[in-house]
Amino acid sequence: PVARSSLKTDGSMPPTRHIPAAMDPAILALIDGRLEAIARDHAVRIAFAVESGSRAWGFPSPDSDYDCRFVFIRPVADYLKLFPKRDVIETPLTPVAAASSIGNGETPCSR
């Protein structure tokens, strides 16, 4: 794997990323975009994301999707509410490139 980082605009240290050199940059951009949209739409911070599924185990088939599991952190006030929010984020299944999906805190890099 090759480590890649992007500069953060707020001056904080960029995250460490270990991305296989063979991973398509267009798919990576879609995955990053979906994670950013989830963080924005649900007002959470994604603390950790990891590829899961057949690709992570090194056994992808030609029609394998891109699965990603992630840990998210809500604002403190959300944890102190009388009726707290659910502890999962579910998203509809949608394609990424020819054959991939996201759902249940899953996004292509999913559940």
N, C-alpha and C. Protein backbone atom coordinates (compact mmCIF):
# COMPACT_ATOMS: atom_id res chain seq x y z
N PRO A 1 0.82 -1.20 0.00
CA PRO A 1 0.00 0.00 0.00
C PRO A 1 0.87 1.26 0.00
N VAL A 2 0.31 2.28 -0.55
CA VAL A 2 1.00 3.57 -0.61
C VAL A 2 0.25 4.54 0.28
N ALA A 3 0.96 5.26 1.13
CA ALA A 3 0.33 6.25 1.99
C ALA A 3 0.15 7.54 1.21
N ARG A 4 -1.06 8.09 1.24
CA ARG A 4 -1.35 9.36 0.60
C ARG A 4 -2.04 10.25 1.62
N SER A 5 -1.77 11.53 1.59
CA SER A 5 -2.44 12.48 2.47
C SER A 5 -2.84 13.69 1.66
N SER A 6 -3.89 14.35 2.08
CA SER A 6 -4.27 15.60 1.47
C SER A 6 -4.14 16.70 2.52
N LEU A 7 -3.78 17.89 2.11
CA LEU A 7 -3.62 18.98 3.05
C LEU A 7 -4.98 19.43 3.56
N LYS A 8 -5.07 19.75 4.82
CA LYS A 8 -6.32 20.22 5.40
C LYS A 8 -6.31 21.74 5.42
N THR A 9 -7.44 22.33 5.09
CA THR A 9 -7.52 23.79 5.00
C THR A 9 -7.49 24.47 6.37
N ASP A 10 -7.83 23.76 7.45
CA ASP A 10 -7.85 24.39 8.77
C ASP A 10 -6.48 24.36 9.46
N GLY A 11 -5.48 23.87 8.75
CA GLY A 11 -4.13 23.86 9.31
C GLY A 11 -3.83 22.66 10.20
N SER A 12 -4.81 21.79 10.42
CA SER A 12 -4.56 20.62 11.26
C SER A 12 -3.79 19.58 10.47
N MET A 13 -3.28 18.62 11.18
CA MET A 13 -2.49 17.58 10.56
C MET A 13 -3.37 16.72 9.66
N PRO A 14 -2.93 16.45 8.44
CA PRO A 14 -3.75 15.62 7.55
C PRO A 14 -3.81 14.18 8.05
N PRO A 15 -4.88 13.47 7.71
CA PRO A 15 -4.99 12.08 8.14
C PRO A 15 -3.97 11.20 7.41
N THR A 16 -3.56 10.14 8.06
CA THR A 16 -2.70 9.17 7.41
C THR A 16 -3.59 8.27 6.59
N ARG A 17 -3.20 8.04 5.36
CA ARG A 17 -3.99 7.19 4.48
C ARG A 17 -3.09 6.12 3.89
N HIS A 18 -3.58 4.91 3.88
CA HIS A 18 -2.87 3.80 3.27
C HIS A 18 -3.76 3.29 2.14
N ILE A 19 -3.41 3.65 0.94
CA ILE A 19 -4.23 3.34 -0.22
C ILE A 19 -3.41 2.52 -1.19
N PRO A 20 -3.94 1.38 -1.61
CA PRO A 20 -3.19 0.56 -2.58
C PRO A 20 -2.89 1.36 -3.84
N ALA A 21 -1.70 1.21 -4.34
CA ALA A 21 -1.29 1.94 -5.54
C ALA A 21 -2.19 1.62 -6.72
N ALA A 22 -2.78 0.42 -6.74
CA ALA A 22 -3.62 0.01 -7.86
C ALA A 22 -5.04 0.56 -7.78
N MET A 23 -5.41 1.22 -6.68
CA MET A 23 -6.78 1.71 -6.56
C MET A 23 -7.01 2.87 -7.51
N ASP A 24 -8.11 2.79 -8.22
CA ASP A 24 -8.49 3.80 -9.20
C ASP A 24 -8.73 5.14 -8.49
N PRO A 25 -8.01 6.21 -8.85
CA PRO A 25 -8.20 7.51 -8.21
C PRO A 25 -9.62 8.05 -8.35
N ALA A 26 -10.32 7.70 -9.43
CA ALA A 26 -11.70 8.16 -9.61
C ALA A 26 -12.62 7.51 -8.58
N ILE A 27 -12.41 6.21 -8.30
CA ILE A 27 -13.20 5.53 -7.28
C ILE A 27 -12.88 6.11 -5.90
N LEU A 28 -11.61 6.35 -5.64
CA LEU A 28 -11.22 6.95 -4.37
C LEU A 28 -11.89 8.31 -4.18
N ALA A 29 -11.95 9.11 -5.22
CA ALA A 29 -12.60 10.42 -5.14
C ALA A 29 -14.09 10.27 -4.85
N LEU A 30 -14.75 9.27 -5.44
CA LEU A 30 -16.16 9.02 -5.14
C LEU A 30 -16.36 8.60 -3.69
N ILE A 31 -15.48 7.74 -3.21
CA ILE A 31 -15.56 7.29 -1.82
C ILE A 31 -15.38 8.48 -0.87
N ASP A 32 -14.35 9.27 -1.11
CA ASP A 32 -14.10 10.46 -0.27
C ASP A 32 -15.31 11.40 -0.31
N GLY A 33 -15.88 11.59 -1.49
CA GLY A 33 -17.04 12.47 -1.62
C GLY A 33 -18.23 11.96 -0.83
N ARG A 34 -18.45 10.66 -0.86
CA ARG A 34 -19.57 10.10 -0.10
C ARG A 34 -19.35 10.20 1.40
N LEU A 35 -18.14 9.96 1.84
CA LEU A 35 -17.85 10.11 3.27
C LEU A 35 -18.02 11.57 3.70
N GLU A 36 -17.56 12.50 2.88
CA GLU A 36 -17.73 13.93 3.19
C GLU A 36 -19.21 14.30 3.23
N ALA A 37 -20.00 13.77 2.31
CA ALA A 37 -21.44 14.06 2.29
C ALA A 37 -22.13 13.49 3.53
N ILE A 38 -21.75 12.29 3.94
CA ILE A 38 -22.33 11.70 5.15
C ILE A 38 -21.98 12.56 6.36
N ALA A 39 -20.73 12.98 6.46
CA ALA A 39 -20.31 13.83 7.59
C ALA A 39 -21.11 15.13 7.60
N ARG A 40 -21.26 15.73 6.44
CA ARG A 40 -21.98 17.01 6.34
C ARG A 40 -23.47 16.81 6.62
N ASP A 41 -24.10 15.84 5.95
CA ASP A 41 -25.55 15.65 6.06
C ASP A 41 -26.00 15.19 7.44
N HIS A 42 -25.13 14.50 8.17
CA HIS A 42 -25.50 13.99 9.49
C HIS A 42 -24.81 14.74 10.63
N ALA A 43 -24.08 15.79 10.29
CA ALA A 43 -23.38 16.63 11.28
C ALA A 43 -22.51 15.77 12.20
N VAL A 44 -21.69 14.92 11.60
CA VAL A 44 -20.78 14.07 12.35
C VAL A 44 -19.37 14.27 11.83
N ARG A 45 -18.42 13.79 12.62
CA ARG A 45 -17.02 13.76 12.17
C ARG A 45 -16.64 12.30 12.00
N ILE A 46 -16.11 11.96 10.85
CA ILE A 46 -15.69 10.58 10.62
C ILE A 46 -14.26 10.46 11.12
N ALA A 47 -14.10 9.69 12.19
CA ALA A 47 -12.81 9.57 12.85
C ALA A 47 -11.92 8.51 12.20
N PHE A 48 -12.56 7.51 11.59
CA PHE A 48 -11.80 6.40 11.04
C PHE A 48 -12.65 5.74 9.97
N ALA A 49 -12.05 5.44 8.84
CA ALA A 49 -12.74 4.71 7.77
C ALA A 49 -11.78 3.66 7.24
N VAL A 50 -12.33 2.50 6.93
CA VAL A 50 -11.50 1.40 6.44
C VAL A 50 -12.26 0.64 5.37
N GLU A 51 -11.54 0.20 4.37
CA GLU A 51 -12.16 -0.64 3.35
C GLU A 51 -12.43 -2.00 3.97
N SER A 52 -13.58 -2.58 3.62
CA SER A 52 -13.94 -3.91 4.11
C SER A 52 -14.44 -4.74 2.94
N GLY A 53 -14.74 -5.98 3.18
CA GLY A 53 -15.26 -6.83 2.12
C GLY A 53 -14.16 -7.52 1.33
N SER A 54 -14.54 -8.06 0.20
CA SER A 54 -13.62 -8.89 -0.58
C SER A 54 -12.38 -8.15 -1.04
N ARG A 55 -12.49 -6.88 -1.35
CA ARG A 55 -11.31 -6.12 -1.79
C ARG A 55 -10.30 -5.98 -0.65
N ALA A 56 -10.78 -5.78 0.56
CA ALA A 56 -9.87 -5.64 1.70
C ALA A 56 -9.13 -6.94 1.99
N TRP A 57 -9.79 -8.06 1.71
CA TRP A 57 -9.18 -9.37 1.96
C TRP A 57 -8.31 -9.82 0.80
N GLY A 58 -8.32 -9.04 -0.29
CA GLY A 58 -7.50 -9.37 -1.43
C GLY A 58 -8.11 -10.40 -2.36
N PHE A 59 -9.44 -10.55 -2.29
CA PHE A 59 -10.12 -11.53 -3.13
C PHE A 59 -11.27 -10.91 -3.92
N PRO A 60 -11.05 -9.78 -4.58
CA PRO A 60 -12.16 -9.18 -5.33
C PRO A 60 -12.46 -9.98 -6.59
N SER A 61 -13.71 -10.01 -6.94
CA SER A 61 -14.11 -10.59 -8.22
C SER A 61 -14.34 -9.43 -9.18
N PRO A 62 -14.51 -9.70 -10.45
CA PRO A 62 -14.71 -8.59 -11.40
C PRO A 62 -15.91 -7.71 -11.07
N ASP A 63 -16.92 -8.26 -10.39
CA ASP A 63 -18.10 -7.46 -10.05
C ASP A 63 -18.14 -7.06 -8.57
N SER A 64 -17.01 -7.12 -7.88
CA SER A 64 -16.97 -6.73 -6.46
C SER A 64 -17.28 -5.26 -6.28
N ASP A 65 -18.02 -4.96 -5.22
CA ASP A 65 -18.29 -3.56 -4.90
C ASP A 65 -17.18 -3.02 -4.01
N TYR A 66 -17.29 -1.77 -3.63
CA TYR A 66 -16.33 -1.11 -2.75
C TYR A 66 -17.04 -0.89 -1.42
N ASP A 67 -16.59 -1.58 -0.37
CA ASP A 67 -17.21 -1.48 0.95
C ASP A 67 -16.31 -0.70 1.89
N CYS A 68 -16.93 0.12 2.71
CA CYS A 68 -16.18 0.91 3.68
C CYS A 68 -16.96 0.97 4.98
N ARG A 69 -16.30 0.68 6.06
CA ARG A 69 -16.90 0.85 7.39
C ARG A 69 -16.24 2.07 8.01
N PHE A 70 -17.01 2.77 8.83
CA PHE A 70 -16.41 3.95 9.45
C PHE A 70 -16.96 4.17 10.85
N VAL A 71 -16.15 4.85 11.64
CA VAL A 71 -16.53 5.25 13.00
C VAL A 71 -16.79 6.75 12.94
N PHE A 72 -17.93 7.15 13.47
CA PHE A 72 -18.25 8.58 13.45
C PHE A 72 -18.50 9.10 14.86
N ILE A 73 -18.30 10.40 15.01
CA ILE A 73 -18.48 11.07 16.30
C ILE A 73 -19.49 12.19 16.12
N ARG A 74 -20.52 12.15 16.92
CA ARG A 74 -21.54 13.22 16.90
C ARG A 74 -21.10 14.35 17.82
N PRO A 75 -21.70 15.53 17.66
CA PRO A 75 -21.44 16.61 18.63
C PRO A 75 -21.84 16.16 20.04
N VAL A 76 -21.16 16.64 21.05
CA VAL A 76 -21.42 16.24 22.44
C VAL A 76 -22.89 16.40 22.80
N ALA A 77 -23.52 17.48 22.37
CA ALA A 77 -24.92 17.73 22.70
C ALA A 77 -25.83 16.58 22.25
N ASP A 78 -25.48 15.92 21.16
CA ASP A 78 -26.29 14.80 20.68
C ASP A 78 -26.26 13.62 21.64
N TYR A 79 -25.17 13.46 22.38
CA TYR A 79 -25.06 12.36 23.33
C TYR A 79 -25.76 12.67 24.65
N LEU A 80 -26.07 13.92 24.89
CA LEU A 80 -26.68 14.33 26.15
C LEU A 80 -28.19 14.53 26.07
N LYS A 81 -28.78 14.27 24.93
CA LYS A 81 -30.21 14.45 24.74
C LYS A 81 -30.99 13.35 25.46
N LEU A 82 -32.22 13.70 25.85
CA LEU A 82 -33.09 12.73 26.49
C LEU A 82 -33.38 11.56 25.54
N PHE A 83 -33.55 11.87 24.26
CA PHE A 83 -33.78 10.84 23.25
C PHE A 83 -32.65 10.93 22.24
N PRO A 84 -31.55 10.20 22.49
CA PRO A 84 -30.39 10.29 21.61
C PRO A 84 -30.68 9.76 20.21
N LYS A 85 -29.88 10.20 19.28
CA LYS A 85 -29.99 9.73 17.90
C LYS A 85 -29.50 8.29 17.82
N ARG A 86 -29.87 7.62 16.74
CA ARG A 86 -29.42 6.24 16.52
C ARG A 86 -27.90 6.20 16.43
N ASP A 87 -27.35 5.04 16.72
CA ASP A 87 -25.89 4.90 16.69
C ASP A 87 -25.37 4.34 15.36
N VAL A 88 -26.23 4.33 14.35
CA VAL A 88 -25.82 3.94 13.00
C VAL A 88 -26.29 4.99 12.01
N ILE A 89 -25.61 5.07 10.92
CA ILE A 89 -26.03 5.92 9.81
C ILE A 89 -26.33 4.99 8.66
N GLU A 90 -27.54 5.06 8.16
CA GLU A 90 -27.93 4.20 7.04
C GLU A 90 -28.10 5.06 5.80
N THR A 91 -27.60 4.57 4.71
CA THR A 91 -27.74 5.26 3.44
C THR A 91 -28.31 4.28 2.43
N PRO A 92 -29.01 4.79 1.41
CA PRO A 92 -29.56 3.88 0.40
C PRO A 92 -28.45 3.26 -0.44
N LEU A 93 -28.74 2.10 -0.99
CA LEU A 93 -27.77 1.46 -1.88
C LEU A 93 -27.75 2.21 -3.20
N THR A 94 -26.57 2.60 -3.61
CA THR A 94 -26.42 3.30 -4.87
C THR A 94 -25.15 2.79 -5.55
N PRO A 95 -25.11 2.81 -6.86
CA PRO A 95 -23.93 2.30 -7.56
C PRO A 95 -22.75 3.26 -7.50
N VAL A 96 -21.58 2.69 -7.53
CA VAL A 96 -20.34 3.44 -7.70
C VAL A 96 -19.65 2.77 -8.87
N ALA A 97 -19.36 3.52 -9.88
CA ALA A 97 -18.80 2.96 -11.11
C ALA A 97 -19.75 1.88 -11.62
N ALA A 98 -19.23 0.80 -12.13
CA ALA A 98 -20.08 -0.22 -12.72
C ALA A 98 -20.78 -1.08 -11.67
N ALA A 99 -20.09 -1.43 -10.59
CA ALA A 99 -20.70 -2.35 -9.63
C ALA A 99 -20.16 -2.15 -8.24
N SER A 100 -20.78 -1.30 -7.46
CA SER A 100 -20.44 -1.17 -6.05
C SER A 100 -21.62 -0.58 -5.31
N SER A 101 -21.56 -0.57 -3.96
CA SER A 101 -22.72 -0.12 -3.20
C SER A 101 -22.32 0.48 -1.87
N ILE A 102 -23.28 1.20 -1.25
CA ILE A 102 -23.08 1.69 0.10
C ILE A 102 -24.35 1.48 0.90
N GLY A 103 -24.26 1.45 2.21
CA GLY A 103 -25.42 1.35 3.08
C GLY A 103 -25.02 1.09 4.51
N ASN A 104 -25.87 1.44 5.46
CA ASN A 104 -25.66 1.21 6.89
C ASN A 104 -24.31 1.68 7.38
N GLY A 105 -24.00 2.93 7.26
CA GLY A 105 -22.70 3.38 7.69
C GLY A 105 -21.67 2.82 6.72
N GLU A 106 -22.19 2.32 5.62
CA GLU A 106 -21.32 1.79 4.59
C GLU A 106 -21.31 2.80 3.47
N THR A 107 -20.23 2.97 2.93
CA THR A 107 -20.10 3.78 1.74
C THR A 107 -19.05 3.08 0.91
N PRO A 108 -18.97 3.31 -0.36
CA PRO A 108 -17.95 2.56 -1.05
C PRO A 108 -16.63 2.94 -0.41
N CYS A 109 -15.75 2.66 -0.02
CA CYS A 109 -14.73 2.56 1.00
C CYS A 109 -15.61 2.77 2.14
N SER A 110 -18.20 0.77 3.27
CA SER A 110 -19.56 0.70 3.62
C SER A 110 -19.77 -0.16 4.81
N ARG A 111 -20.69 -0.60 5.18
CA ARG A 111 -21.13 -1.11 6.46
C ARG A 111 -20.03 -1.58 7.29
